[in-house]
Amino acid sequence: MLGQLELIADSEYNNAGDLLGIDPMNVNGELLGALKAMNPIARQKVINNLAKNPAPSKGSRAEMEKHFRELQPHIKNELAKGNLRLADTIIYSIKPVSSRTIKIFETQDDKEVGVRNISNAKLPKNQSLLVSGIILLVGTAAGASKDEMMATNYDKIESFPAISNGEFSLKANKKTIIPEIGNYVFKTQNNHLLSIGYYKLANPRLIQDDVQIEMTIELGTTTGVPANTYVFAALHGTSTIP
């Protein structure tokens, strides 16, 4: 217990107790004894951290801190020790609009600059992601080559009615994070408070490391979609990194 409290004393997080399973509302004899064994300065730092920092975190970092209890034990421990930290992250993938069903992350995918930044549709070991928002953009390449795909300008979906009238869903480890909803949520051209194609989740969800991610876009039709059209899809939020 004393070692755990020493980690809390030096923690950068507002609710470090959640990382170590310490509930400040349930003060027991072991916790009191460990606090008394500490020097007064360290003890006060622990108490301040357990009582929450008066300067709250912001954005997706604050959302991640609320989900600390859901993290796997090995990630909690590494965060508490400082071996892992939190970072802004965008996990992205580009796929062709070649059918009515577009699978954004697939198990045969390889990481490649300008195409996607994860392999096998999984986050690497020790990287958990709190999905705060989702981005969907569309672009038409000048040709069919991979270089032309990577050199494409990806922009608002409003220019592609067949795509903006479709649906998408998101799963992780076969569990639904977002059920099928309309792609109209990415139509943000007239919302100057959001980036183009950005859908902010009212209920952020955690994706653990080393589990399959499935994001699927379903279209009712591909009528009016030019040849060599691609979608850029991304999960935005805060993740754990070394």
Protein backbone atom coordinates (compact mmCIF):
# COMPACT_ATOMS: atom_id res chain seq x y z
CA MET A 1 0.00 0.00 0.00
CA LEU A 2 2.81 2.45 0.85
CA GLY A 3 4.37 1.91 -2.57
CA GLN A 4 1.03 2.60 -4.24
CA LEU A 5 0.61 5.84 -2.32
CA GLU A 6 4.09 6.96 -3.35
CA LEU A 7 3.06 6.49 -6.99
CA ILE A 8 -0.05 8.60 -6.40
CA ALA A 9 2.02 11.36 -4.78
CA ASP A 10 4.00 11.83 -8.00
CA SER A 11 1.17 11.18 -10.45
CA GLU A 12 0.22 13.71 -13.13
CA TYR A 13 -3.37 12.44 -13.25
CA ASN A 14 -6.35 13.95 -11.47
CA ASN A 15 -7.74 10.60 -10.33
CA ALA A 16 -4.65 8.45 -9.94
CA GLY A 17 -6.45 6.42 -7.27
CA ASP A 18 -8.51 4.81 -10.03
CA LEU A 19 -5.34 3.45 -11.62
CA LEU A 20 -4.42 1.65 -8.42
CA GLY A 21 -7.89 0.69 -7.24
CA ILE A 22 -7.85 3.05 -4.27
CA ASP A 23 -11.23 4.59 -3.43
CA PRO A 24 -10.82 7.83 -1.42
CA MET A 25 -14.45 7.50 -0.28
CA ASN A 26 -13.66 4.15 1.37
CA VAL A 27 -10.83 4.90 3.78
CA ASN A 28 -9.78 1.75 5.63
CA GLY A 29 -7.20 0.99 8.28
CA GLU A 30 -4.56 -0.10 5.76
CA LEU A 31 -4.85 3.18 3.86
CA LEU A 32 -4.72 5.27 7.05
CA GLY A 33 -1.71 3.34 8.30
CA ALA A 34 0.15 3.82 5.04
CA LEU A 35 -0.61 7.55 5.07
CA LYS A 36 0.69 7.91 8.63
CA ALA A 37 3.93 6.17 7.62
CA MET A 38 4.68 8.79 4.96
CA ASN A 39 6.53 12.04 5.51
CA PRO A 40 4.17 15.04 5.85
CA ILE A 41 4.94 16.54 2.43
CA ALA A 42 4.40 13.29 0.53
CA ARG A 43 1.27 12.59 2.61
CA GLN A 44 -0.25 15.95 1.62
CA LYS A 45 0.53 15.32 -2.05
CA VAL A 46 -1.25 11.98 -1.87
CA ILE A 47 -4.27 13.52 -0.16
CA ASN A 48 -4.43 16.27 -2.79
CA ASN A 49 -4.30 13.75 -5.61
CA LEU A 50 -6.90 11.48 -4.02
CA ALA A 51 -9.17 14.47 -3.48
CA LYS A 52 -8.88 15.37 -7.20
CA ASN A 53 -6.85 18.19 -8.65
CA PRO A 54 -8.72 21.53 -8.59
CA ALA A 55 -7.45 22.25 -12.12
CA PRO A 56 -9.42 19.70 -14.21
CA SER A 57 -8.09 18.11 -17.36
CA LYS A 58 -9.69 19.06 -20.66
CA GLY A 59 -10.92 17.38 -23.83
CA SER A 60 -10.36 13.70 -24.51
CA ARG A 61 -7.72 13.50 -21.75
CA ALA A 62 -10.40 14.31 -19.17
CA GLU A 63 -12.63 11.67 -20.78
CA MET A 64 -9.84 9.09 -20.59
CA GLU A 65 -9.27 9.80 -16.89
CA LYS A 66 -12.94 9.02 -16.24
CA HIS A 67 -12.40 5.59 -17.83
CA PHE A 68 -9.24 4.64 -15.89
CA ARG A 69 -11.16 1.94 -14.01
CA GLU A 70 -11.89 0.15 -17.32
CA LEU A 71 -8.24 -0.14 -18.35
CA GLN A 72 -6.59 -3.54 -18.19
CA PRO A 73 -4.44 -4.11 -15.06
CA HIS A 74 -1.11 -4.15 -16.91
CA ILE A 75 -1.87 -0.76 -18.49
CA LYS A 76 -3.04 0.74 -15.19
CA ASN A 77 0.20 -0.34 -13.52
CA GLU A 78 2.41 1.02 -16.29
CA LEU A 79 0.58 4.36 -16.29
CA ALA A 80 0.92 4.65 -12.53
CA LYS A 81 4.65 3.90 -12.75
CA GLY A 82 5.15 6.40 -15.56
CA ASN A 83 6.22 3.77 -18.10
CA LEU A 84 3.15 4.62 -20.17
CA ARG A 85 1.62 8.05 -20.68
CA LEU A 86 -1.35 9.63 -22.38
CA ALA A 87 -1.14 11.18 -25.85
CA ASP A 88 -3.45 12.67 -28.46
CA THR A 89 -4.06 10.07 -31.14
CA ILE A 90 -5.76 9.59 -34.49
CA ILE A 91 -6.04 6.02 -35.80
CA TYR A 92 -6.83 6.21 -39.51
CA SER A 93 -7.35 4.10 -42.61
CA ILE A 94 -8.13 4.85 -46.26
CA LYS A 95 -10.32 2.47 -48.26
CA PRO A 96 -11.79 2.53 -51.80
CA VAL A 97 -15.50 3.03 -52.38
CA SER A 98 -15.68 -0.02 -54.64
CA SER A 99 -18.84 -1.59 -53.23
CA ARG A 100 -21.77 -0.80 -50.98
CA THR A 101 -19.94 -2.27 -47.97
CA ILE A 102 -16.66 -0.66 -46.94
CA LYS A 103 -14.63 -2.26 -44.16
CA ILE A 104 -12.29 0.41 -42.81
CA PHE A 105 -10.10 -1.87 -40.65
CA GLU A 106 -9.40 -5.43 -41.77
CA THR A 107 -7.25 -8.18 -40.30
CA GLN A 108 -5.10 -8.44 -43.44
CA ASP A 109 -4.24 -4.72 -43.40
CA ASP A 110 -0.64 -3.64 -42.92
CA LYS A 111 0.54 -0.35 -41.47
CA GLU A 112 1.69 1.99 -44.24
CA VAL A 113 2.38 5.73 -44.22
CA GLY A 114 -0.35 7.58 -46.09
CA VAL A 115 -2.69 4.59 -46.07
CA ARG A 116 -3.24 3.53 -42.43
CA ASN A 117 -1.36 3.63 -39.14
CA ILE A 118 -2.32 0.30 -37.54
CA SER A 119 -1.83 -3.31 -38.64
CA ASN A 120 -4.24 -6.24 -38.52
CA ALA A 121 -7.13 -4.01 -37.35
CA LYS A 122 -5.70 -3.98 -33.80
CA LEU A 123 -4.03 -1.53 -31.48
CA PRO A 124 -0.54 -2.69 -30.49
CA LYS A 125 0.24 -4.08 -27.05
CA ASN A 126 -0.08 -1.51 -24.23
CA GLN A 127 -1.98 0.98 -26.41
CA SER A 128 -5.58 1.53 -25.32
CA LEU A 129 -7.64 4.22 -27.04
CA LEU A 130 -10.51 6.29 -25.67
CA VAL A 131 -12.52 7.18 -28.77
CA SER A 132 -13.67 10.77 -28.33
CA GLY A 133 -14.71 11.42 -31.93
CA ILE A 134 -14.74 9.98 -35.43
CA ILE A 135 -13.65 11.59 -38.71
CA LEU A 136 -14.99 10.71 -42.15
CA LEU A 137 -13.73 12.41 -45.30
CA VAL A 138 -14.01 11.53 -48.99
CA GLY A 139 -11.86 12.23 -52.03
CA THR A 140 -11.54 11.18 -55.67
CA ALA A 141 -8.03 10.32 -56.86
CA ALA A 142 -6.66 11.43 -60.21
CA GLY A 143 -6.02 7.78 -61.10
CA ALA A 144 -6.03 4.24 -59.81
CA SER A 145 -2.47 4.04 -58.48
CA LYS A 146 -1.62 3.94 -54.77
CA ASP A 147 0.49 7.09 -55.11
CA GLU A 148 -2.49 8.95 -56.58
CA MET A 149 -4.68 7.67 -53.75
CA MET A 150 -2.20 8.96 -51.16
CA ALA A 151 -1.95 12.31 -52.98
CA THR A 152 -5.73 12.82 -52.94
CA ASN A 153 -7.35 15.77 -51.17
CA TYR A 154 -9.85 14.38 -48.65
CA ASP A 155 -12.69 16.74 -47.84
CA LYS A 156 -16.34 17.03 -46.80
CA ILE A 157 -18.79 14.20 -47.50
CA GLU A 158 -21.52 16.66 -48.55
CA SER A 159 -20.14 16.46 -52.10
CA PHE A 160 -20.95 12.72 -52.24
CA PRO A 161 -24.69 12.24 -51.53
CA ALA A 162 -24.58 8.45 -51.90
CA ILE A 163 -21.98 8.33 -49.11
CA SER A 164 -23.52 10.95 -46.84
CA ASN A 165 -26.84 9.06 -47.05
CA GLY A 166 -25.21 5.80 -45.93
CA GLU A 167 -24.61 4.39 -42.45
CA PHE A 168 -21.65 3.36 -40.32
CA SER A 169 -21.04 1.27 -37.22
CA LEU A 170 -18.09 0.64 -34.91
CA LYS A 171 -17.22 -2.46 -32.91
CA ALA A 172 -14.26 -3.61 -30.82
CA ASN A 173 -13.72 -7.22 -29.78
CA LYS A 174 -17.14 -8.00 -31.34
CA LYS A 175 -18.84 -5.58 -28.92
CA THR A 176 -20.78 -2.64 -30.35
CA ILE A 177 -19.39 0.81 -29.59
CA ILE A 178 -21.63 2.67 -32.03
CA PRO A 179 -24.64 0.96 -33.63
CA GLU A 180 -25.68 1.72 -37.20
CA ILE A 181 -26.31 5.45 -37.55
CA GLY A 182 -26.50 7.74 -40.55
CA ASN A 183 -23.39 9.27 -42.07
CA TYR A 184 -25.19 12.60 -41.95
CA VAL A 185 -23.51 13.11 -38.55
CA PHE A 186 -20.31 13.83 -40.51
CA LYS A 187 -21.97 16.66 -42.47
CA THR A 188 -20.35 19.49 -40.50
CA GLN A 189 -19.71 21.97 -43.31
CA ASN A 190 -22.08 24.51 -41.74
CA ASN A 191 -21.05 23.82 -38.15
CA HIS A 192 -18.15 26.15 -37.50
CA LEU A 193 -17.57 24.69 -34.04
CA LEU A 194 -16.41 21.37 -35.51
CA SER A 195 -13.75 20.35 -38.00
CA ILE A 196 -14.92 19.14 -41.40
CA GLY A 197 -16.24 15.57 -41.15
CA TYR A 198 -15.85 15.32 -37.36
CA TYR A 199 -18.47 13.54 -35.23
CA LYS A 200 -18.06 14.15 -31.50
CA LEU A 201 -19.21 11.25 -29.35
CA ALA A 202 -21.48 12.15 -26.46
CA ASN A 203 -20.58 8.76 -24.97
CA PRO A 204 -16.84 8.12 -25.51
CA ARG A 205 -15.82 4.48 -25.43
CA LEU A 206 -12.59 2.65 -24.65
CA ILE A 207 -10.90 0.26 -27.10
CA GLN A 208 -8.43 -2.06 -25.38
CA ASP A 209 -5.12 -3.14 -26.85
CA ASP A 210 -4.82 -6.21 -29.07
CA VAL A 211 -8.54 -6.60 -29.89
CA GLN A 212 -10.09 -6.47 -33.34
CA ILE A 213 -11.55 -3.13 -34.43
CA GLU A 214 -14.40 -3.17 -36.94
CA MET A 215 -15.67 0.00 -38.58
CA THR A 216 -18.09 -0.63 -41.42
CA ILE A 217 -19.71 1.83 -43.83
CA GLU A 218 -22.85 0.65 -45.59
CA LEU A 219 -24.19 2.45 -48.66
CA GLY A 220 -27.64 2.11 -50.15
CA THR A 221 -26.20 2.90 -53.58
CA THR A 222 -22.96 3.93 -55.26
CA THR A 223 -24.80 5.96 -57.91
CA GLY A 224 -22.97 9.21 -58.61
CA VAL A 225 -19.76 8.12 -56.89
CA PRO A 226 -16.87 8.64 -59.36
CA ALA A 227 -14.31 5.94 -60.07
CA ASN A 228 -11.22 6.01 -57.82
CA THR A 229 -13.14 7.48 -54.89
CA TYR A 230 -11.83 6.73 -51.40
CA VAL A 231 -12.92 7.34 -47.83
CA PHE A 232 -10.59 8.50 -45.08
CA ALA A 233 -11.88 7.32 -41.70
CA ALA A 234 -10.24 7.97 -38.35
CA LEU A 235 -10.78 7.42 -34.64
CA HIS A 236 -9.73 10.46 -32.61
CA GLY A 237 -9.02 10.52 -28.90
CA THR A 238 -6.45 9.85 -26.20
CA SER A 239 -4.34 6.70 -26.05
CA THR A 240 -1.67 5.17 -23.88
CA ILE A 241 1.82 5.16 -25.37
CA PRO A 242 5.35 4.29 -24.12
